[in-house]
Amino acid sequence: MESLRAIDTWPVPSAAAAVVRADGSLAGSHGDTARRFPLASVTKPLAAYAVLVAYEEGALELDEPAGPEGSTVRHLLAHTSGLAFDEHRSAAPPGQRRLYSNAGFEVLGDHLAKATGIPFAEYLHQAVFEPLGMASSSLEGSPAKDGVSTVADLARFAAELQAPRLLDVRTVAEATSVVHPGLKGVLPGYGHQSPNDWGLGLEIRDGKSPHWTGLTSSPRTFGHFGQSGTFLWVDPDVRAACVALTDRAFGPWAVEAWTPFTDAVLAELRAA
């Protein structure tokens, strides 16, 4: 895809990108797709997927208590537990605000490890990385932000999100639907959003503005971006997903580059 070549103009030391169709085929790639990059918060969808596998295996329930009093696994996945951003303290009652929380995903990791008797990084490897053939992916710390992977591996995960094999399609549909609709909140890097819609470990585009996806991205688009200059989105309306990884921290350069990049990718997909 010609649109992917735009990553060569990004002010980053290195970058790689790929587009994956809903049937799992690669529409195109550019850059070193085998290079391992820190994912930052693009770790969260992977971690959430492992939690959903545990749910389907009967190791835990989405509505069982987890985290602060009154909070559940579902609250933690949807950033509505009330836990603060990077501190293990409550900043709001569960279910009342969309407080994006790294701490919440760390609590999730601990909760799953206790429920299964398996360290979270190992569970993630067994439940997601290994069956999808993501041999270059690993979790090297927090389930919120310490994943490392390649574009080639995340392309496999993007295919899974579009045509699930590890999870029932109904579980993925729930994960990509709004949980606790109408809640306001801050989208890191993009300010206050009302509503700040989120699924289970996946952010939902909806009508947010400004946003890290494209101006022409459908409201049903879901995914995640990371502070290490990374993103993964799936747009069901064009039946495709895009992964881009870089080695420069998120900042104004990304705000300026990512939206026109996504719009160019979408235009090329729609014209095909």
Protein backbone atom coordinates (compact mmCIF):
# COMPACT_ATOMS: atom_id res chain seq x y z
CA MET A 1 0.00 0.00 0.00
CA GLU A 2 1.43 3.34 -1.09
CA SER A 3 -0.13 5.16 1.87
CA LEU A 4 2.08 3.24 4.32
CA ARG A 5 5.20 4.90 2.90
CA ALA A 6 4.24 8.07 4.76
CA ILE A 7 5.93 6.64 7.85
CA ASP A 8 9.23 7.47 6.14
CA THR A 9 8.41 11.16 6.64
CA TRP A 10 7.66 10.84 10.35
CA PRO A 11 10.25 12.48 12.63
CA VAL A 12 11.18 9.20 14.30
CA PRO A 13 14.39 7.13 14.26
CA SER A 14 12.52 4.08 12.94
CA ALA A 15 8.98 2.97 12.24
CA ALA A 16 7.10 0.06 10.74
CA ALA A 17 3.45 -0.38 9.77
CA ALA A 18 1.02 -2.88 8.30
CA VAL A 19 -2.60 -3.13 7.22
CA VAL A 20 -4.51 -6.36 7.77
CA ARG A 21 -7.79 -7.24 6.11
CA ALA A 22 -10.67 -8.85 7.99
CA ASP A 23 -9.89 -12.19 6.34
CA GLY A 24 -6.45 -12.10 7.92
CA SER A 25 -4.56 -11.33 4.72
CA LEU A 26 -1.93 -8.60 4.65
CA ALA A 27 -3.01 -5.63 2.55
CA GLY A 28 0.46 -4.12 2.82
CA SER A 29 3.39 -3.39 5.09
CA HIS A 30 6.34 -1.00 5.23
CA GLY A 31 9.46 -0.84 7.37
CA ASP A 32 11.09 -3.57 9.41
CA THR A 33 8.07 -5.61 10.52
CA ALA A 34 10.33 -7.99 12.49
CA ARG A 35 11.82 -5.27 14.70
CA ARG A 36 10.75 -5.39 18.35
CA PHE A 37 9.36 -2.13 19.72
CA PRO A 38 8.12 -1.21 23.21
CA LEU A 39 4.32 -1.05 22.98
CA ALA A 40 3.50 1.16 25.98
CA SER A 41 -0.31 1.14 26.32
CA VAL A 42 -0.87 -0.95 23.19
CA THR A 43 -0.06 -3.64 25.77
CA LYS A 44 -3.53 -3.15 27.27
CA PRO A 45 -5.59 -4.78 24.46
CA LEU A 46 -3.29 -7.81 24.63
CA ALA A 47 -3.66 -7.99 28.41
CA ALA A 48 -7.42 -7.58 28.13
CA TYR A 49 -7.59 -10.40 25.60
CA ALA A 50 -5.83 -12.71 28.07
CA VAL A 51 -8.37 -11.75 30.74
CA LEU A 52 -11.21 -12.55 28.33
CA VAL A 53 -9.65 -15.94 27.58
CA ALA A 54 -9.58 -16.59 31.33
CA TYR A 55 -13.25 -15.56 31.48
CA GLU A 56 -14.20 -18.01 28.75
CA GLU A 57 -12.16 -20.74 30.43
CA GLY A 58 -14.13 -20.18 33.64
CA ALA A 59 -11.18 -18.95 35.69
CA LEU A 60 -12.95 -15.68 36.50
CA GLU A 61 -16.18 -13.78 35.87
CA LEU A 62 -16.46 -10.29 34.42
CA ASP A 63 -18.74 -9.19 37.24
CA GLU A 64 -16.80 -10.67 40.16
CA PRO A 65 -15.22 -8.27 42.66
CA ALA A 66 -11.76 -6.98 41.72
CA GLY A 67 -9.96 -3.80 42.70
CA PRO A 68 -11.54 -1.16 44.97
CA GLU A 69 -14.71 -1.91 46.92
CA GLY A 70 -17.65 -2.11 44.53
CA SER A 71 -15.41 -2.60 41.50
CA THR A 72 -15.39 -5.67 39.24
CA VAL A 73 -13.22 -7.16 36.51
CA ARG A 74 -15.49 -5.41 34.01
CA HIS A 75 -14.90 -2.03 35.70
CA LEU A 76 -11.14 -2.53 35.57
CA LEU A 77 -11.20 -3.46 31.88
CA ALA A 78 -13.38 -0.44 31.04
CA HIS A 79 -11.41 2.12 33.11
CA THR A 80 -14.39 2.70 35.39
CA SER A 81 -13.06 1.17 38.62
CA GLY A 82 -12.29 4.63 40.02
CA LEU A 83 -8.59 3.85 40.40
CA ALA A 84 -6.24 6.73 39.67
CA PHE A 85 -4.05 6.88 36.56
CA ASP A 86 -0.77 5.55 37.95
CA GLU A 87 -1.52 5.14 41.64
CA HIS A 88 -3.22 2.31 43.49
CA ARG A 89 -5.74 4.62 45.15
CA SER A 90 -9.39 5.35 44.43
CA ALA A 91 -10.17 8.71 42.87
CA ALA A 92 -13.90 8.11 42.23
CA PRO A 93 -16.60 5.55 43.05
CA PRO A 94 -16.75 2.62 40.57
CA GLY A 95 -18.90 3.18 37.49
CA GLN A 96 -19.18 6.97 37.76
CA ARG A 97 -16.23 8.30 35.75
CA ARG A 98 -13.96 7.08 32.96
CA LEU A 99 -10.59 7.34 34.70
CA TYR A 100 -7.94 5.90 32.42
CA SER A 101 -5.85 3.77 34.76
CA ASN A 102 -2.58 1.91 34.42
CA ALA A 103 -3.06 0.86 38.03
CA GLY A 104 -6.33 -0.80 37.07
CA PHE A 105 -4.60 -3.07 34.58
CA GLU A 106 -1.94 -3.94 37.15
CA VAL A 107 -4.72 -4.96 39.55
CA LEU A 108 -6.23 -7.03 36.73
CA GLY A 109 -2.93 -8.81 36.19
CA ASP A 110 -2.64 -9.64 39.89
CA HIS A 111 -6.27 -10.78 40.00
CA LEU A 112 -5.85 -13.14 37.06
CA ALA A 113 -2.60 -14.53 38.46
CA LYS A 114 -4.34 -15.37 41.75
CA ALA A 115 -7.35 -16.86 39.96
CA THR A 116 -5.27 -19.11 37.72
CA GLY A 117 -2.13 -19.72 39.75
CA ILE A 118 -0.09 -18.60 36.73
CA PRO A 119 1.99 -15.40 36.57
CA PHE A 120 0.23 -12.93 34.29
CA ALA A 121 3.08 -12.68 31.76
CA GLU A 122 3.11 -16.46 31.40
CA TYR A 123 -0.68 -16.63 31.09
CA LEU A 124 -0.59 -13.97 28.37
CA HIS A 125 2.06 -15.98 26.55
CA GLN A 126 0.08 -19.24 26.77
CA ALA A 127 -3.35 -17.73 26.10
CA VAL A 128 -2.57 -15.21 23.35
CA PHE A 129 1.00 -15.06 22.05
CA GLU A 130 1.64 -18.77 21.58
CA PRO A 131 -1.64 -19.76 19.86
CA LEU A 132 -1.46 -16.76 17.52
CA GLY A 133 2.18 -17.43 16.60
CA MET A 134 3.36 -14.16 18.15
CA ALA A 135 6.84 -15.56 18.80
CA SER A 136 8.55 -12.16 19.09
CA SER A 137 6.14 -10.77 21.70
CA SER A 138 6.61 -10.66 25.45
CA LEU A 139 5.42 -8.89 28.57
CA GLU A 140 8.38 -7.51 30.50
CA GLY A 141 6.68 -5.89 33.47
CA SER A 142 3.34 -4.15 33.93
CA PRO A 143 0.25 -5.51 32.09
CA ALA A 144 -0.62 -1.85 31.48
CA LYS A 145 2.42 -0.79 29.51
CA ASP A 146 5.40 -3.15 29.33
CA GLY A 147 4.67 -5.28 26.28
CA VAL A 148 7.23 -5.63 23.49
CA SER A 149 6.26 -6.81 20.02
CA THR A 150 6.69 -6.46 16.27
CA VAL A 151 4.41 -5.24 13.51
CA ALA A 152 4.32 -8.79 12.13
CA ASP A 153 3.12 -10.16 15.46
CA LEU A 154 0.56 -7.40 16.03
CA ALA A 155 -0.76 -8.02 12.53
CA ARG A 156 -1.65 -11.51 13.74
CA PHE A 157 -3.43 -10.02 16.72
CA ALA A 158 -5.25 -7.54 14.45
CA ALA A 159 -6.46 -10.48 12.37
CA GLU A 160 -7.69 -12.19 15.55
CA LEU A 161 -9.64 -9.10 16.58
CA GLN A 162 -11.45 -9.15 13.23
CA ALA A 163 -12.07 -12.91 12.97
CA PRO A 164 -11.67 -14.40 16.45
CA ARG A 165 -10.31 -17.91 16.92
CA LEU A 166 -9.28 -17.70 20.57
CA LEU A 167 -12.54 -16.17 21.80
CA ASP A 168 -16.21 -16.55 20.98
CA VAL A 169 -17.24 -13.84 18.53
CA ARG A 170 -19.87 -12.70 21.04
CA THR A 171 -17.20 -12.01 23.65
CA VAL A 172 -15.25 -9.88 21.18
CA ALA A 173 -18.46 -8.06 20.21
CA GLU A 174 -18.97 -7.23 23.89
CA ALA A 175 -15.36 -6.09 24.24
CA THR A 176 -15.79 -3.72 21.29
CA SER A 177 -19.11 -2.27 22.50
CA VAL A 178 -19.42 0.64 24.91
CA VAL A 179 -19.28 -0.36 28.57
CA HIS A 180 -20.99 2.07 30.98
CA PRO A 181 -22.22 4.47 28.24
CA GLY A 182 -22.23 8.23 28.65
CA LEU A 183 -19.28 8.60 31.01
CA LYS A 184 -16.99 11.57 30.58
CA GLY A 185 -13.25 11.36 30.90
CA VAL A 186 -9.83 12.37 29.66
CA LEU A 187 -8.30 10.62 26.65
CA PRO A 188 -4.55 10.87 27.37
CA GLY A 189 -2.92 13.28 24.95
CA TYR A 190 -6.24 14.45 23.53
CA GLY A 191 -8.04 16.04 26.47
CA HIS A 192 -11.55 15.80 27.86
CA GLN A 193 -14.06 13.77 25.88
CA SER A 194 -17.80 13.63 26.46
CA PRO A 195 -18.58 10.83 26.25
CA ASN A 196 -15.25 9.02 26.56
CA ASP A 197 -16.41 5.66 25.23
CA TRP A 198 -14.53 2.47 25.99
CA GLY A 199 -15.11 -1.25 25.66
CA LEU A 200 -13.28 -4.00 27.53
CA GLY A 201 -9.63 -3.00 27.19
CA LEU A 202 -10.27 -1.34 23.83
CA GLU A 203 -11.01 2.32 23.19
CA ILE A 204 -13.97 3.03 20.90
CA ARG A 205 -13.71 5.90 18.42
CA ASP A 206 -17.35 6.96 18.41
CA GLY A 207 -17.59 10.77 17.94
CA LYS A 208 -14.48 11.81 19.84
CA SER A 209 -12.66 14.93 18.69
CA PRO A 210 -9.76 15.40 18.64
CA HIS A 211 -8.65 11.81 18.24
CA TRP A 212 -5.63 9.75 17.24
CA THR A 213 -7.44 7.91 14.41
CA GLY A 214 -8.59 9.55 11.17
CA LEU A 215 -11.18 12.18 10.46
CA THR A 216 -12.76 9.59 8.17
CA SER A 217 -12.53 6.69 10.63
CA SER A 218 -15.92 5.15 11.32
CA PRO A 219 -17.48 5.62 14.79
CA ARG A 220 -17.19 1.84 15.25
CA THR A 221 -13.38 1.98 15.02
CA PHE A 222 -11.69 0.54 18.08
CA GLY A 223 -8.12 0.04 19.24
CA HIS A 224 -5.43 1.69 21.34
CA PHE A 225 -2.40 3.95 21.12
CA GLY A 226 0.69 4.02 23.29
CA GLN A 227 3.01 6.65 24.70
CA SER A 228 5.94 4.97 22.94
CA GLY A 229 4.56 6.24 19.62
CA THR A 230 2.51 3.16 18.76
CA PHE A 231 -1.03 2.38 17.70
CA LEU A 232 -3.38 -0.35 16.55
CA TRP A 233 -6.84 0.36 15.18
CA VAL A 234 -9.57 -1.79 13.64
CA ASP A 235 -12.23 -0.16 11.46
CA PRO A 236 -15.07 -2.65 10.93
CA ASP A 237 -16.64 -0.47 8.22
CA VAL A 238 -13.65 -0.91 5.91
CA ARG A 239 -13.00 -4.45 7.19
CA ALA A 240 -9.36 -3.74 7.95
CA ALA A 241 -6.92 -2.93 10.73
CA CYS A 242 -3.70 -0.93 10.91
CA VAL A 243 -0.66 -1.26 13.16
CA ALA A 244 2.13 1.31 13.42
CA LEU A 245 5.11 1.08 15.79
CA THR A 246 7.86 3.66 16.30
CA ASP A 247 10.71 4.31 18.71
CA ARG A 248 9.85 7.91 19.54
CA ALA A 249 7.62 8.88 22.45
CA PHE A 250 4.12 10.15 21.63
CA GLY A 251 3.95 13.93 21.32
CA PRO A 252 2.83 16.73 18.99
CA TRP A 253 4.55 14.97 16.09
CA ALA A 254 2.14 12.03 16.47
CA VAL A 255 -0.93 14.24 16.79
CA GLU A 256 0.07 15.89 13.49
CA ALA A 257 1.11 12.71 11.65
CA TRP A 258 -1.29 9.97 12.66
CA THR A 259 -4.64 11.42 11.54
CA PRO A 260 -3.66 12.21 7.92
CA PHE A 261 -1.83 8.88 7.78
CA THR A 262 -4.94 6.98 8.83
CA ASP A 263 -7.13 8.96 6.43
CA ALA A 264 -4.75 8.10 3.56
CA VAL A 265 -4.81 4.41 4.52
CA LEU A 266 -8.60 4.44 4.67
CA ALA A 267 -8.87 6.23 1.29
CA GLU A 268 -6.65 3.61 -0.31
CA LEU A 269 -8.65 0.78 1.24
CA ARG A 270 -11.96 2.26 0.08
CA ALA A 271 -10.64 2.78 -3.45
CA ALA A 272 -9.40 -0.80 -3.79
